[in-house]
Amino acid sequence: MTRKYVLDAPVFIYGAHLIGVTYTVPEVTRELKSSRAEIVLQEFLREGLKIEEPSKKAVRLVTEKAKSTGEHLRLSQADIDVLAKALEVNGTVVTDDYSVQNVAAQLGVETQQILQPPIKQVIKWGRRCVGCGRVYKTAEVCPVCGSEVRLKPMKK
């Protein structure tokens, strides 16, 4: 069976090579700024790369999962679209982005890294006050002590 890969921007930036059916999303192609990345994109296109929008349903599913884990604040639209396309085609996401890997693991989507080691554990993020330690869903400033509320990994 031929493997399916959904490619994130680092594949084109670093010039990784994959054998199988390859996909990416329009949002990733818009992120590519260097001429080298454009050349690599053109090579992938000659080899059959498919550039497709993910379905709205898959995007909604990924967005909901990202919100439930706190990763929605760290993911770009391209990241969400890549994950959604991988869900749609039952493919492997090729990325070095740890937030993408974290959400992929929680969605049951396989990932493959390019240069960086894979994530060691799945993380759930939350907003915690740096002063008093209270946890909030959306606050930027703690209403109790006035300190900054930052995104922090939460204990399982």
Protein backbone atom coordinates (compact mmCIF):
# COMPACT_ATOMS: atom_id res chain seq x y z
CA MET A 1 0.00 0.00 0.00
CA THR A 2 1.32 3.43 -0.94
CA ARG A 3 1.92 5.80 1.97
CA LYS A 4 0.21 9.17 2.01
CA TYR A 5 2.03 12.21 3.37
CA VAL A 6 0.68 15.66 4.15
CA LEU A 7 3.52 18.15 3.98
CA ASP A 8 4.09 21.12 6.27
CA ALA A 9 6.28 24.08 5.22
CA PRO A 10 9.58 22.71 6.66
CA VAL A 11 9.53 19.93 4.04
CA PHE A 12 9.92 22.57 1.34
CA ILE A 13 12.25 24.77 3.39
CA TYR A 14 14.69 21.94 4.19
CA GLY A 15 14.20 20.03 0.93
CA ALA A 16 13.14 16.69 2.40
CA HIS A 17 12.40 13.82 0.01
CA LEU A 18 9.51 11.37 0.41
CA ILE A 19 8.27 8.41 -1.58
CA GLY A 20 4.50 8.09 -1.70
CA VAL A 21 1.42 10.16 -2.45
CA THR A 22 1.99 13.71 -1.25
CA TYR A 23 -0.44 16.46 -0.30
CA THR A 24 -0.18 19.95 1.07
CA VAL A 25 -2.62 22.80 1.56
CA PRO A 26 -2.71 26.23 -0.12
CA GLU A 27 -1.99 27.96 3.19
CA VAL A 28 1.40 26.18 3.40
CA THR A 29 2.39 27.31 -0.09
CA ARG A 30 1.63 30.90 0.95
CA GLU A 31 4.10 30.55 3.85
CA LEU A 32 7.01 29.75 1.55
CA LYS A 33 9.24 32.80 1.17
CA SER A 34 12.64 31.56 -0.05
CA SER A 35 13.47 30.76 -3.66
CA ARG A 36 14.90 27.41 -2.48
CA ALA A 37 11.56 26.45 -0.92
CA GLU A 38 9.79 27.46 -4.16
CA ILE A 39 12.17 25.25 -6.18
CA VAL A 40 11.52 22.30 -3.86
CA LEU A 41 7.75 22.94 -4.17
CA GLN A 42 8.06 22.87 -7.98
CA GLU A 43 9.97 19.56 -7.78
CA PHE A 44 7.21 18.05 -5.61
CA LEU A 45 4.57 19.33 -8.06
CA ARG A 46 6.39 17.60 -10.96
CA GLU A 47 6.32 14.40 -8.88
CA GLY A 48 2.55 14.65 -8.35
CA LEU A 49 2.08 16.77 -5.21
CA LYS A 50 -1.60 17.59 -4.68
CA ILE A 51 -2.44 21.03 -3.25
CA GLU A 52 -5.94 20.82 -1.78
CA GLU A 53 -8.07 22.65 0.77
CA PRO A 54 -9.23 20.45 3.67
CA SER A 55 -12.93 19.99 4.27
CA LYS A 56 -14.68 22.38 6.65
CA LYS A 57 -15.69 19.38 8.77
CA ALA A 58 -12.06 18.27 9.22
CA VAL A 59 -10.96 21.84 10.00
CA ARG A 60 -13.71 22.09 12.62
CA LEU A 61 -12.63 18.78 14.20
CA VAL A 62 -8.97 19.86 14.39
CA THR A 63 -9.90 23.28 15.76
CA GLU A 64 -12.05 21.72 18.50
CA LYS A 65 -9.24 19.34 19.48
CA ALA A 66 -6.69 22.17 19.46
CA LYS A 67 -8.95 24.25 21.72
CA SER A 68 -9.42 21.35 24.13
CA THR A 69 -5.65 20.98 24.46
CA GLY A 70 -4.81 24.69 24.56
CA GLU A 71 -2.80 24.44 21.32
CA HIS A 72 -5.20 26.66 19.33
CA LEU A 73 -3.21 29.70 20.50
CA ARG A 74 -0.01 28.21 19.07
CA LEU A 75 -1.25 26.84 15.73
CA SER A 76 -1.39 28.84 12.50
CA GLN A 77 -4.16 28.37 9.95
CA ALA A 78 -1.65 26.40 7.84
CA ASP A 79 -1.02 24.05 10.79
CA ILE A 80 -4.75 23.47 11.29
CA ASP A 81 -5.26 22.88 7.56
CA VAL A 82 -2.35 20.39 7.39
CA LEU A 83 -3.78 18.41 10.30
CA ALA A 84 -7.27 18.51 8.77
CA LYS A 85 -5.98 17.26 5.41
CA ALA A 86 -4.09 14.43 7.14
CA LEU A 87 -7.30 13.41 8.91
CA GLU A 88 -9.19 13.51 5.62
CA VAL A 89 -6.76 11.38 3.60
CA ASN A 90 -5.60 9.20 6.52
CA GLY A 91 -2.07 10.41 5.91
CA THR A 92 1.11 11.05 7.88
CA VAL A 93 1.90 14.68 8.71
CA VAL A 94 5.50 15.56 7.90
CA THR A 95 6.56 18.42 10.18
CA ASP A 96 9.04 19.60 12.77
CA ASP A 97 6.41 21.72 14.55
CA TYR A 98 5.89 20.41 18.10
CA SER A 99 2.42 21.93 18.43
CA VAL A 100 1.32 20.18 15.23
CA GLN A 101 2.80 16.91 16.53
CA ASN A 102 1.04 17.37 19.88
CA VAL A 103 -2.41 17.85 18.32
CA ALA A 104 -1.75 15.09 15.77
CA ALA A 105 -1.01 12.64 18.59
CA GLN A 106 -4.30 13.52 20.25
CA LEU A 107 -6.16 13.09 16.96
CA GLY A 108 -4.51 9.73 16.26
CA VAL A 109 -2.68 11.13 13.23
CA GLU A 110 0.79 9.74 12.59
CA THR A 111 3.68 12.21 12.23
CA GLN A 112 7.13 12.06 10.72
CA GLN A 113 9.85 14.53 11.60
CA ILE A 114 12.37 16.13 9.26
CA LEU A 115 15.31 17.43 11.33
CA GLN A 116 14.03 17.73 14.90
CA PRO A 117 13.42 14.83 17.29
CA PRO A 118 9.75 13.93 17.87
CA ILE A 119 7.79 15.15 20.87
CA LYS A 120 8.47 13.12 24.01
CA GLN A 121 5.00 13.41 25.49
CA VAL A 122 1.60 14.84 24.70
CA ILE A 123 1.03 18.16 26.46
CA LYS A 124 -2.19 19.86 27.47
CA TRP A 125 -1.82 23.65 27.74
CA GLY A 126 -3.64 26.03 30.04
CA ARG A 127 -3.51 29.67 31.11
CA ARG A 128 -1.95 30.14 34.55
CA CYS A 129 -1.36 33.35 36.51
CA VAL A 130 2.37 33.90 37.12
CA GLY A 131 1.57 35.59 40.46
CA CYS A 132 -1.00 33.53 42.33
CA GLY A 133 -1.10 30.40 40.13
CA ARG A 134 -4.83 30.49 39.38
CA VAL A 135 -5.90 28.87 36.09
CA TYR A 136 -8.08 30.71 33.56
CA LYS A 137 -9.61 29.85 30.21
CA THR A 138 -9.14 33.18 28.45
CA ALA A 139 -7.74 35.83 30.83
CA GLU A 140 -4.60 37.76 29.87
CA VAL A 141 -4.35 39.51 33.25
CA CYS A 142 -5.35 37.87 36.53
CA PRO A 143 -8.48 39.56 37.91
CA VAL A 144 -7.45 38.53 41.45
CA CYS A 145 -3.81 39.69 41.74
CA GLY A 146 -3.25 41.65 38.51
CA SER A 147 -0.33 39.52 37.30
CA GLU A 148 0.16 38.31 33.73
CA VAL A 149 -1.59 35.08 32.73
CA ARG A 150 0.63 32.90 30.51
CA LEU A 151 0.19 29.72 28.52
CA LYS A 152 1.79 26.88 30.52
CA PRO A 153 1.86 23.08 30.24
CA MET A 154 -0.65 21.64 32.69
CA LYS A 155 -0.24 18.45 34.71
CA LYS A 156 -2.16 15.48 33.43
